[in-house]
Protein backbone atom coordinates (compact mmCIF):
# COMPACT_ATOMS: atom_id res chain seq x y z
CA MET A 1 0.00 0.00 0.00
CA PRO A 2 1.53 3.35 -0.96
CA ARG A 3 2.49 5.45 2.07
CA GLN A 4 0.14 8.32 1.17
CA LEU A 5 -2.84 5.97 0.90
CA PHE A 6 -1.96 4.36 4.24
CA GLU A 7 -1.67 7.76 5.95
CA SER A 8 -5.01 8.83 4.50
CA PHE A 9 -6.64 5.62 5.75
CA GLN A 10 -5.07 6.04 9.20
CA SER A 11 -6.26 9.65 9.38
CA SER A 12 -9.79 8.57 8.45
CA LEU A 13 -9.81 6.00 11.25
CA LYS A 14 -8.85 8.65 13.80
CA GLU A 15 -12.03 10.57 12.97
CA TYR A 16 -13.98 7.71 14.53
CA TYR A 17 -11.85 7.42 17.68
CA ASN A 18 -14.01 7.30 20.82
CA THR A 19 -17.19 8.48 19.07
CA GLU A 20 -20.57 6.83 18.92
CA ILE A 21 -20.42 6.89 15.14
CA LEU A 22 -20.43 3.22 14.11
CA SER A 23 -19.02 2.13 17.49
CA ASP A 24 -20.40 -1.18 18.66
CA ALA A 25 -18.69 -1.84 22.00
CA VAL A 26 -17.31 -0.11 25.08
CA ILE A 27 -14.12 -0.54 27.07
CA SER A 28 -14.42 0.67 30.65
CA CYS A 29 -11.47 1.54 32.89
CA GLU A 30 -11.37 3.53 36.14
CA GLY A 31 -14.81 5.02 35.48
CA GLN A 32 -13.95 6.13 31.95
CA GLU A 33 -15.64 4.60 28.93
CA PHE A 34 -14.05 4.33 25.51
CA LYS A 35 -16.33 3.73 22.55
CA VAL A 36 -14.69 1.20 20.28
CA HIS A 37 -15.18 -0.80 17.12
CA ARG A 38 -15.15 -4.57 17.62
CA LEU A 39 -13.81 -5.25 14.13
CA ILE A 40 -10.81 -2.96 14.57
CA LEU A 41 -9.99 -4.33 18.03
CA SER A 42 -10.39 -7.92 16.86
CA ILE A 43 -8.05 -7.40 13.92
CA HIS A 44 -5.33 -5.94 16.14
CA SER A 45 -5.68 -8.07 19.26
CA GLN A 46 -6.34 -11.77 19.80
CA TYR A 47 -7.35 -10.96 23.37
CA PHE A 48 -10.09 -8.55 22.28
CA ALA A 49 -11.12 -10.87 19.44
CA LYS A 50 -11.76 -13.66 21.96
CA GLU A 51 -13.44 -11.39 24.51
CA LEU A 52 -15.76 -9.72 22.00
CA ASN A 53 -16.60 -12.70 19.80
CA GLY A 54 -16.62 -15.68 22.14
CA PRO A 55 -19.25 -17.20 24.42
CA TRP A 56 -18.50 -14.67 27.17
CA LYS A 57 -20.54 -12.06 28.99
CA GLU A 58 -18.36 -9.37 27.40
CA ALA A 59 -19.37 -10.51 23.92
CA SER A 60 -23.10 -10.38 24.64
CA ASP A 61 -22.88 -7.13 26.64
CA LYS A 62 -20.38 -5.63 24.17
CA LYS A 63 -18.51 -4.18 27.13
CA ILE A 64 -15.09 -5.02 28.52
CA GLU A 65 -14.00 -3.84 31.96
CA ILE A 66 -10.25 -3.39 32.35
CA ARG A 67 -9.24 -3.32 36.00
CA ASP A 68 -5.47 -3.63 36.18
CA PHE A 69 -4.43 -0.67 34.04
CA ASP A 70 -4.45 3.08 34.36
CA ALA A 71 -7.16 4.70 32.22
CA GLY A 72 -4.49 6.87 30.56
CA VAL A 73 -2.64 3.76 29.40
CA VAL A 74 -5.86 2.29 28.00
CA GLU A 75 -6.70 5.56 26.24
CA TYR A 76 -3.23 5.66 24.67
CA ALA A 77 -3.53 2.03 23.56
CA MET A 78 -6.90 2.78 21.95
CA GLY A 79 -5.28 5.52 19.87
CA GLY A 80 -5.87 8.61 21.99
């Protein structure tokens, strides 16, 4: 993929960061909620793919609670 096309795609994805537009799940940490896209998380993380697509409560609720991390770390990891 040419660099310019990749950068354009990446920039477009950032427009949807932590918005309700097309988001279909939530990650919760230290009282903060991050609106996320299950497809994007699943592509980039086997952990999230299993949590959001398996026979777990998180998959049916479409919400993952992260307890052992600082909310700032989670926000950074989500692209913020």
